[in-house]
Amino acid sequence: MSLAQKNNWHVLLDAGSLGLNGMDSLGLSLFQTDFIITSFYIFFESDPTGFECLLIRKSAIETLGKENGRIGSGMVKIISILIPL
């Protein structure tokens, strides 16, 4: 991860295969990832909708760019609960 950060690459961690215990012991402060993608399957133990979640580090949100005044585009909709987009 440090090599990626030295080269100004962004790091995405796919935590979808981790169980609840894995998420608890992951130690996110050690990895310093920019993005984490996971499924709510690990929380509810069923995945009827295929609902996924993309967590974005606050300092990396600007890298997504803006299109038509919005950040993000396509099938993924970004909803901020902390800052207005």
PDB file of N, CA and C in Angstrom:
ATOM      1  N   MET A   1       0.817  -1.183   0.000  1.00  0.00           N
ATOM      2  CA  MET A   1       0.000   0.000   0.000  1.00  0.00           C
ATOM      3  C   MET A   1       0.866   1.253   0.000  1.00  0.00           C
ATOM      4  N   SER A   2       1.983   1.194   0.682  1.00  0.00           N
ATOM      5  CA  SER A   2       2.843   2.377   0.706  1.00  0.00           C
ATOM      6  C   SER A   2       3.415   2.655  -0.681  1.00  0.00           C
ATOM      7  N   LEU A   3       3.697   1.612  -1.469  1.00  0.00           N
ATOM      8  CA  LEU A   3       4.180   1.797  -2.834  1.00  0.00           C
ATOM      9  C   LEU A   3       3.118   2.496  -3.680  1.00  0.00           C
ATOM     10  N   ALA A   4       1.882   2.089  -3.525  1.00  0.00           N
ATOM     11  CA  ALA A   4       0.785   2.724  -4.261  1.00  0.00           C
ATOM     12  C   ALA A   4       0.662   4.188  -3.883  1.00  0.00           C
ATOM     13  N   GLN A   5       0.742   4.485  -2.615  1.00  0.00           N
ATOM     14  CA  GLN A   5       0.607   5.863  -2.163  1.00  0.00           C
ATOM     15  C   GLN A   5       1.797   6.716  -2.598  1.00  0.00           C
ATOM     16  N   LYS A   6       2.987   6.136  -2.653  1.00  0.00           N
ATOM     17  CA  LYS A   6       4.158   6.874  -3.134  1.00  0.00           C
ATOM     18  C   LYS A   6       4.009   7.257  -4.602  1.00  0.00           C
ATOM     19  N   ASN A   7       3.294   6.426  -5.372  1.00  0.00           N
ATOM     20  CA  ASN A   7       3.073   6.677  -6.792  1.00  0.00           C
ATOM     21  C   ASN A   7       1.763   7.418  -7.061  1.00  0.00           C
ATOM     22  N   ASN A   8       1.145   7.943  -6.005  1.00  0.00           N
ATOM     23  CA  ASN A   8      -0.125   8.673  -6.107  1.00  0.00           C
ATOM     24  C   ASN A   8      -1.251   7.837  -6.704  1.00  0.00           C
ATOM     25  N   TRP A   9      -1.242   6.543  -6.441  1.00  0.00           N
ATOM     26  CA  TRP A   9      -2.333   5.671  -6.841  1.00  0.00           C
ATOM     27  C   TRP A   9      -3.336   5.626  -5.705  1.00  0.00           C
ATOM     28  N   HIS A  10      -4.567   5.366  -6.040  1.00  0.00           N
ATOM     29  CA  HIS A  10      -5.596   5.205  -5.024  1.00  0.00           C
ATOM     30  C   HIS A  10      -5.754   3.722  -4.718  1.00  0.00           C
ATOM     31  N   VAL A  11      -6.053   3.420  -3.478  1.00  0.00           N
ATOM     32  CA  VAL A  11      -6.150   2.037  -3.027  1.00  0.00           C
ATOM     33  C   VAL A  11      -7.600   1.722  -2.678  1.00  0.00           C
ATOM     34  N   LEU A  12      -8.118   0.643  -3.275  1.00  0.00           N
ATOM     35  CA  LEU A  12      -9.459   0.155  -2.980  1.00  0.00           C
ATOM     36  C   LEU A  12      -9.333  -1.201  -2.312  1.00  0.00           C
ATOM     37  N   LEU A  13      -9.991  -1.362  -1.192  1.00  0.00           N
ATOM     38  CA  LEU A  13      -9.995  -2.634  -0.477  1.00  0.00           C
ATOM     39  C   LEU A  13     -11.355  -3.277  -0.662  1.00  0.00           C
ATOM     40  N   ASP A  14     -11.382  -4.490  -1.213  1.00  0.00           N
ATOM     41  CA  ASP A  14     -12.626  -5.239  -1.364  1.00  0.00           C
ATOM     42  C   ASP A  14     -12.799  -6.081  -0.112  1.00  0.00           C
ATOM     43  N   ALA A  15     -13.670  -5.632   0.778  1.00  0.00           N
ATOM     44  CA  ALA A  15     -13.895  -6.321   2.048  1.00  0.00           C
ATOM     45  C   ALA A  15     -15.155  -7.174   2.000  1.00  0.00           C
ATOM     46  N   GLY A  16     -15.640  -7.460   0.798  1.00  0.00           N
ATOM     47  CA  GLY A  16     -16.882  -8.204   0.640  1.00  0.00           C
ATOM     48  C   GLY A  16     -16.833  -9.631   1.147  1.00  0.00           C
ATOM     49  N   SER A  17     -15.677 -10.241   1.159  1.00  0.00           N
ATOM     50  CA  SER A  17     -15.601 -11.639   1.587  1.00  0.00           C
ATOM     51  C   SER A  17     -15.323 -11.791   3.080  1.00  0.00           C
ATOM     52  N   LEU A  18     -15.151 -10.683   3.765  1.00  0.00           N
ATOM     53  CA  LEU A  18     -14.902 -10.758   5.206  1.00  0.00           C
ATOM     54  C   LEU A  18     -16.210 -10.954   5.962  1.00  0.00           C
ATOM     55  N   GLY A  19     -16.166 -11.719   7.001  1.00  0.00           N
ATOM     56  CA  GLY A  19     -17.317 -11.848   7.886  1.00  0.00           C
ATOM     57  C   GLY A  19     -17.317 -10.733   8.910  1.00  0.00           C
ATOM     58  N   LEU A  20     -18.269 -10.774   9.820  1.00  0.00           N
ATOM     59  CA  LEU A  20     -18.338  -9.735  10.845  1.00  0.00           C
ATOM     60  C   LEU A  20     -17.073  -9.688  11.686  1.00  0.00           C
ATOM     61  N   ASN A  21     -16.530 -10.847  12.034  1.00  0.00           N
ATOM     62  CA  ASN A  21     -15.291 -10.871  12.818  1.00  0.00           C
ATOM     63  C   ASN A  21     -14.125 -10.314  12.019  1.00  0.00           C
ATOM     64  N   GLY A  22     -14.103 -10.574  10.716  1.00  0.00           N
ATOM     65  CA  GLY A  22     -13.043 -10.051   9.873  1.00  0.00           C
ATOM     66  C   GLY A  22     -13.085  -8.540   9.766  1.00  0.00           C
ATOM     67  N   MET A  23     -14.282  -7.983   9.658  1.00  0.00           N
ATOM     68  CA  MET A  23     -14.421  -6.526   9.592  1.00  0.00           C
ATOM     69  C   MET A  23     -13.987  -5.886  10.902  1.00  0.00           C
ATOM     70  N   ASP A  24     -14.291  -6.553  11.996  1.00  0.00           N
ATOM     71  CA  ASP A  24     -13.956  -6.009  13.311  1.00  0.00           C
ATOM     72  C   ASP A  24     -12.446  -6.003  13.546  1.00  0.00           C
ATOM     73  N   SER A  25     -11.759  -7.013  13.023  1.00  0.00           N
ATOM     74  CA  SER A  25     -10.321  -7.130  13.277  1.00  0.00           C
ATOM     75  C   SER A  25      -9.463  -6.652  12.106  1.00  0.00           C
ATOM     76  N   LEU A  26     -10.057  -5.999  11.129  1.00  0.00           N
ATOM     77  CA  LEU A  26      -9.336  -5.600   9.924  1.00  0.00           C
ATOM     78  C   LEU A  26      -8.250  -4.569  10.194  1.00  0.00           C
ATOM     79  N   GLY A  27      -8.474  -3.644  11.080  1.00  0.00           N
ATOM     80  CA  GLY A  27      -7.476  -2.623  11.385  1.00  0.00           C
ATOM     81  C   GLY A  27      -7.308  -1.623  10.260  1.00  0.00           C
ATOM     82  N   LEU A  28      -8.370  -0.919   9.923  1.00  0.00           N
ATOM     83  CA  LEU A  28      -8.349  -0.006   8.781  1.00  0.00           C
ATOM     84  C   LEU A  28      -7.312   1.097   8.912  1.00  0.00           C
ATOM     85  N   SER A  29      -6.960   1.464  10.112  1.00  0.00           N
ATOM     86  CA  SER A  29      -5.958   2.519  10.282  1.00  0.00           C
ATOM     87  C   SER A  29      -4.585   2.063   9.794  1.00  0.00           C
ATOM     88  N   LEU A  30      -4.351   0.765   9.721  1.00  0.00           N
ATOM     89  CA  LEU A  30      -3.074   0.254   9.219  1.00  0.00           C
ATOM     90  C   LEU A  30      -2.987   0.326   7.699  1.00  0.00           C
ATOM     91  N   PHE A  31      -4.125   0.149   7.028  1.00  0.00           N
ATOM     92  CA  PHE A  31      -4.117   0.060   5.569  1.00  0.00           C
ATOM     93  C   PHE A  31      -4.186   1.412   4.870  1.00  0.00           C
ATOM     94  N   GLN A  32      -4.842   2.390   5.460  1.00  0.00           N
ATOM     95  CA  GLN A  32      -4.966   3.724   4.862  1.00  0.00           C
ATOM     96  C   GLN A  32      -5.507   3.663   3.434  1.00  0.00           C
ATOM     97  N   THR A  33      -6.583   2.917   3.225  1.00  0.00           N
ATOM     98  CA  THR A  33      -7.178   2.816   1.896  1.00  0.00           C
ATOM     99  C   THR A  33      -7.996   4.059   1.580  1.00  0.00           C
ATOM    100  N   ASP A  34      -8.153   4.326   0.287  1.00  0.00           N
ATOM    101  CA  ASP A  34      -8.974   5.449  -0.154  1.00  0.00           C
ATOM    102  C   ASP A  34     -10.436   5.039  -0.301  1.00  0.00           C
ATOM    103  N   PHE A  35     -10.652   3.790  -0.714  1.00  0.00           N
ATOM    104  CA  PHE A  35     -12.001   3.281  -0.943  1.00  0.00           C
ATOM    105  C   PHE A  35     -12.110   1.876  -0.362  1.00  0.00           C
ATOM    106  N   ILE A  36     -13.263   1.566   0.186  1.00  0.00           N
ATOM    107  CA  ILE A  36     -13.563   0.208   0.648  1.00  0.00           C
ATOM    108  C   ILE A  36     -14.916  -0.158   0.075  1.00  0.00           C
ATOM    109  N   ILE A  37     -14.986  -1.311  -0.557  1.00  0.00           N
ATOM    110  CA  ILE A  37     -16.260  -1.792  -1.059  1.00  0.00           C
ATOM    111  C   ILE A  37     -16.621  -3.051  -0.284  1.00  0.00           C
ATOM    112  N   THR A  38     -17.879  -3.153   0.080  1.00  0.00           N
ATOM    113  CA  THR A  38     -18.337  -4.318   0.829  1.00  0.00           C
ATOM    114  C   THR A  38     -19.801  -4.568   0.522  1.00  0.00           C
ATOM    115  N   SER A  39     -20.287  -5.688   0.955  1.00  0.00           N
ATOM    116  CA  SER A  39     -21.680  -6.060   0.774  1.00  0.00           C
ATOM    117  C   SER A  39     -22.365  -6.076   2.126  1.00  0.00           C
ATOM    118  N   PHE A  40     -23.625  -5.747   2.136  1.00  0.00           N
ATOM    119  CA  PHE A  40     -24.370  -5.812   3.384  1.00  0.00           C
ATOM    120  C   PHE A  40     -24.742  -7.250   3.747  1.00  0.00           C
ATOM    121  N   TYR A  41     -24.359  -8.182   2.892  1.00  0.00           N
ATOM    122  CA  TYR A  41     -24.571  -9.594   3.194  1.00  0.00           C
ATOM    123  C   TYR A  41     -23.906  -9.973   4.515  1.00  0.00           C
ATOM    124  N   ILE A  42     -22.729  -9.422   4.785  1.00  0.00           N
ATOM    125  CA  ILE A  42     -22.010  -9.794   6.004  1.00  0.00           C
ATOM    126  C   ILE A  42     -22.718  -9.315   7.261  1.00  0.00           C
ATOM    127  N   PHE A  43     -23.549  -8.293   7.124  1.00  0.00           N
ATOM    128  CA  PHE A  43     -24.270  -7.799   8.296  1.00  0.00           C
ATOM    129  C   PHE A  43     -25.599  -8.515   8.491  1.00  0.00           C
ATOM    130  N   PHE A  44     -26.294  -8.809   7.385  1.00  0.00           N
ATOM    131  CA  PHE A  44     -27.639  -9.376   7.476  1.00  0.00           C
ATOM    132  C   PHE A  44     -27.680 -10.864   7.179  1.00  0.00           C
ATOM    133  N   GLU A  45     -26.563 -11.434   6.717  1.00  0.00           N
ATOM    134  CA  GLU A  45     -26.425 -12.857   6.392  1.00  0.00           C
ATOM    135  C   GLU A  45     -27.400 -13.317   5.325  1.00  0.00           C
ATOM    136  N   SER A  46     -27.859 -12.409   4.519  1.00  0.00           N
ATOM    137  CA  SER A  46     -28.642 -12.737   3.333  1.00  0.00           C
ATOM    138  C   SER A  46     -28.466 -11.581   2.359  1.00  0.00           C
ATOM    139  N   ASP A  47     -28.562 -11.868   1.091  1.00  0.00           N
ATOM    140  CA  ASP A  47     -28.308 -10.834   0.097  1.00  0.00           C
ATOM    141  C   ASP A  47     -29.417 -10.832  -0.955  1.00  0.00           C
ATOM    142  N   PRO A  48     -30.647 -10.516  -0.550  1.00  0.00           N
ATOM    143  CA  PRO A  48     -31.738 -10.582  -1.522  1.00  0.00           C
ATOM    144  C   PRO A  48     -31.663  -9.501  -2.598  1.00  0.00           C
ATOM    145  N   THR A  49     -31.035  -8.372  -2.309  1.00  0.00           N
ATOM    146  CA  THR A  49     -31.020  -7.268  -3.264  1.00  0.00           C
ATOM    147  C   THR A  49     -29.676  -7.078  -3.934  1.00  0.00           C
ATOM    148  N   GLY A  50     -28.627  -7.691  -3.443  1.00  0.00           N
ATOM    149  CA  GLY A  50     -27.294  -7.452  -3.971  1.00  0.00           C
ATOM    150  C   GLY A  50     -26.785  -6.064  -3.627  1.00  0.00           C
ATOM    151  N   PHE A  51     -27.255  -5.505  -2.543  1.00  0.00           N
ATOM    152  CA  PHE A  51     -26.921  -4.139  -2.142  1.00  0.00           C
ATOM    153  C   PHE A  51     -25.482  -4.065  -1.668  1.00  0.00           C
ATOM    154  N   GLU A  52     -24.712  -3.205  -2.284  1.00  0.00           N
ATOM    155  CA  GLU A  52     -23.303  -3.025  -1.955  1.00  0.00           C
ATOM    156  C   GLU A  52     -23.086  -1.635  -1.375  1.00  0.00           C
ATOM    157  N   CYS A  53     -21.918  -1.431  -0.805  1.00  0.00           N
ATOM    158  CA  CYS A  53     -21.597  -0.150  -0.190  1.00  0.00           C
ATOM    159  C   CYS A  53     -20.164   0.227  -0.557  1.00  0.00           C
ATOM    160  N   LEU A  54     -19.976   1.478  -0.975  1.00  0.00           N
ATOM    161  CA  LEU A  54     -18.650   2.002  -1.255  1.00  0.00           C
ATOM    162  C   LEU A  54     -18.360   3.084  -0.235  1.00  0.00           C
ATOM    163  N   LEU A  55     -17.356   2.848   0.593  1.00  0.00           N
ATOM    164  CA  LEU A  55     -16.934   3.840   1.579  1.00  0.00           C
ATOM    165  C   LEU A  55     -15.773   4.624   0.983  1.00  0.00           C
ATOM    166  N   ILE A  56     -15.833   5.946   1.103  1.00  0.00           N
ATOM    167  CA  ILE A  56     -14.838   6.812   0.480  1.00  0.00           C
ATOM    168  C   ILE A  56     -14.173   7.660   1.547  1.00  0.00           C
ATOM    169  N   ARG A  57     -12.854   7.638   1.560  1.00  0.00           N
ATOM    170  CA  ARG A  57     -12.110   8.513   2.470  1.00  0.00           C
ATOM    171  C   ARG A  57     -12.388   9.958   2.059  1.00  0.00           C
ATOM    172  N   LYS A  58     -12.600  10.791   3.033  1.00  0.00           N
ATOM    173  CA  LYS A  58     -12.958  12.187   2.775  1.00  0.00           C
ATOM    174  C   LYS A  58     -11.952  12.868   1.844  1.00  0.00           C
ATOM    175  N   SER A  59     -10.679  12.583   2.017  1.00  0.00           N
ATOM    176  CA  SER A  59      -9.646  13.217   1.191  1.00  0.00           C
ATOM    177  C   SER A  59      -9.633  12.693  -0.243  1.00  0.00           C
ATOM    178  N   ALA A  60     -10.326  11.588  -0.530  1.00  0.00           N
ATOM    179  CA  ALA A  60     -10.313  10.998  -1.869  1.00  0.00           C
ATOM    180  C   ALA A  60     -11.571  11.300  -2.666  1.00  0.00           C
ATOM    181  N   ILE A  61     -12.547  11.952  -2.063  1.00  0.00           N
ATOM    182  CA  ILE A  61     -13.829  12.144  -2.747  1.00  0.00           C
ATOM    183  C   ILE A  61     -13.703  13.023  -3.989  1.00  0.00           C
ATOM    184  N   GLU A  62     -12.791  13.975  -3.983  1.00  0.00           N
ATOM    185  CA  GLU A  62     -12.624  14.852  -5.143  1.00  0.00           C
ATOM    186  C   GLU A  62     -12.067  14.113  -6.357  1.00  0.00           C
ATOM    187  N   THR A  63     -11.433  12.970  -6.165  1.00  0.00           N
ATOM    188  CA  THR A  63     -10.871  12.222  -7.290  1.00  0.00           C
ATOM    189  C   THR A  63     -11.952  11.607  -8.161  1.00  0.00           C
ATOM    190  N   LEU A  64     -13.181  11.540  -7.665  1.00  0.00           N
ATOM    191  CA  LEU A  64     -14.266  10.968  -8.450  1.00  0.00           C
ATOM    192  C   LEU A  64     -14.715  11.906  -9.560  1.00  0.00           C
ATOM    193  N   GLY A  65     -14.389  13.173  -9.437  1.00  0.00           N
ATOM    194  CA  GLY A  65     -14.729  14.143 -10.470  1.00  0.00           C
ATOM    195  C   GLY A  65     -16.190  14.525 -10.432  1.00  0.00           C
ATOM    196  N   LYS A  66     -16.517  15.563 -11.173  1.00  0.00           N
ATOM    197  CA  LYS A  66     -17.896  16.035 -11.226  1.00  0.00           C
ATOM    198  C   LYS A  66     -18.387  15.986 -12.661  1.00  0.00           C
ATOM    199  N   GLU A  67     -19.613  15.535 -12.825  1.00  0.00           N
ATOM    200  CA  GLU A  67     -20.250  15.498 -14.129  1.00  0.00           C
ATOM    201  C   GLU A  67     -21.644  16.077 -13.961  1.00  0.00           C
ATOM    202  N   ASN A  68     -21.958  17.096 -14.708  1.00  0.00           N
ATOM    203  CA  ASN A  68     -23.250  17.781 -14.592  1.00  0.00           C
ATOM    204  C   ASN A  68     -23.487  18.289 -13.177  1.00  0.00           C
ATOM    205  N   GLY A  69     -22.427  18.746 -12.529  1.00  0.00           N
ATOM    206  CA  GLY A  69     -22.570  19.290 -11.185  1.00  0.00           C
ATOM    207  C   GLY A  69     -22.657  18.250 -10.087  1.00  0.00           C
ATOM    208  N   ARG A  70     -22.579  16.970 -10.451  1.00  0.00           N
ATOM    209  CA  ARG A  70     -22.666  15.895  -9.463  1.00  0.00           C
ATOM    210  C   ARG A  70     -21.353  15.139  -9.422  1.00  0.00           C
ATOM    211  N   ILE A  71     -21.063  14.578  -8.286  1.00  0.00           N
ATOM    212  CA  ILE A  71     -19.886  13.711  -8.174  1.00  0.00           C
ATOM    213  C   ILE A  71     -20.338  12.293  -8.481  1.00  0.00           C
ATOM    214  N   GLY A  72     -19.636  11.612  -9.376  1.00  0.00           N
ATOM    215  CA  GLY A  72     -19.969  10.245  -9.744  1.00  0.00           C
ATOM    216  C   GLY A  72     -20.955  10.216 -10.896  1.00  0.00           C
ATOM    217  N   SER A  73     -21.074   9.084 -11.548  1.00  0.00           N
ATOM    218  CA  SER A  73     -22.027   8.931 -12.641  1.00  0.00           C
ATOM    219  C   SER A  73     -22.248   7.451 -12.874  1.00  0.00           C
ATOM    220  N   GLY A  74     -23.148   7.132 -13.784  1.00  0.00           N
ATOM    221  CA  GLY A  74     -23.410   5.747 -14.124  1.00  0.00           C
ATOM    222  C   GLY A  74     -24.371   5.090 -13.155  1.00  0.00           C
ATOM    223  N   MET A  75     -24.191   3.787 -12.934  1.00  0.00           N
ATOM    224  CA  MET A  75     -25.112   3.033 -12.093  1.00  0.00           C
ATOM    225  C   MET A  75     -24.917   3.306 -10.612  1.00  0.00           C
ATOM    226  N   VAL A  76     -23.758   3.774 -10.241  1.00  0.00           N
ATOM    227  CA  VAL A  76     -23.480   4.016  -8.830  1.00  0.00           C
ATOM    228  C   VAL A  76     -23.944   5.412  -8.473  1.00  0.00           C
ATOM    229  N   LYS A  77     -24.764   5.511  -7.465  1.00  0.00           N
ATOM    230  CA  LYS A  77     -25.226   6.812  -6.997  1.00  0.00           C
ATOM    231  C   LYS A  77     -24.541   7.096  -5.674  1.00  0.00           C
ATOM    232  N   ILE A  78     -23.928   8.255  -5.570  1.00  0.00           N
ATOM    233  CA  ILE A  78     -23.216   8.623  -4.354  1.00  0.00           C
ATOM    234  C   ILE A  78     -24.131   9.486  -3.506  1.00  0.00           C
ATOM    235  N   ILE A  79     -24.352   9.054  -2.291  1.00  0.00           N
ATOM    236  CA  ILE A  79     -25.198   9.782  -1.358  1.00  0.00           C
ATOM    237  C   ILE A  79     -24.351  10.127  -0.148  1.00  0.00           C
ATOM    238  N   SER A  80     -24.225  11.399   0.113  1.00  0.00           N
ATOM    239  CA  SER A  80     -23.415  11.841   1.240  1.00  0.00           C
ATOM    240  C   SER A  80     -24.302  12.112   2.442  1.00  0.00           C
ATOM    241  N   ILE A  81     -23.884  11.604   3.589  1.00  0.00           N
ATOM    242  CA  ILE A  81     -24.624  11.902   4.810  1.00  0.00           C
ATOM    243  C   ILE A  81     -23.924  12.973   5.625  1.00  0.00           C
ATOM    244  N   LEU A  82     -22.722  13.359   5.193  1.00  0.00           N
ATOM    245  CA  LEU A  82     -21.946  14.326   5.961  1.00  0.00           C
ATOM    246  C   LEU A  82     -21.781  15.667   5.270  1.00  0.00           C
ATOM    247  N   ILE A  83     -21.479  15.634   3.979  1.00  0.00           N
ATOM    248  CA  ILE A  83     -21.227  16.887   3.278  1.00  0.00           C
ATOM    249  C   ILE A  83     -22.145  16.991   2.065  1.00  0.00           C
ATOM    250  N   PRO A  84     -22.592  18.184   1.707  1.00  0.00           N
ATOM    251  CA  PRO A  84     -23.443  18.312   0.516  1.00  0.00           C
ATOM    252  C   PRO A  84     -22.631  18.075  -0.747  1.00  0.00           C
ATOM    253  N   LEU A  85     -23.228  17.361  -1.691  1.00  0.00           N
ATOM    254  CA  LEU A  85     -22.554  17.103  -2.967  1.00  0.00           C
ATOM    255  C   LEU A  85     -23.054  18.106  -3.936  1.00  0.00           C
TER     256      LEU A  85
END
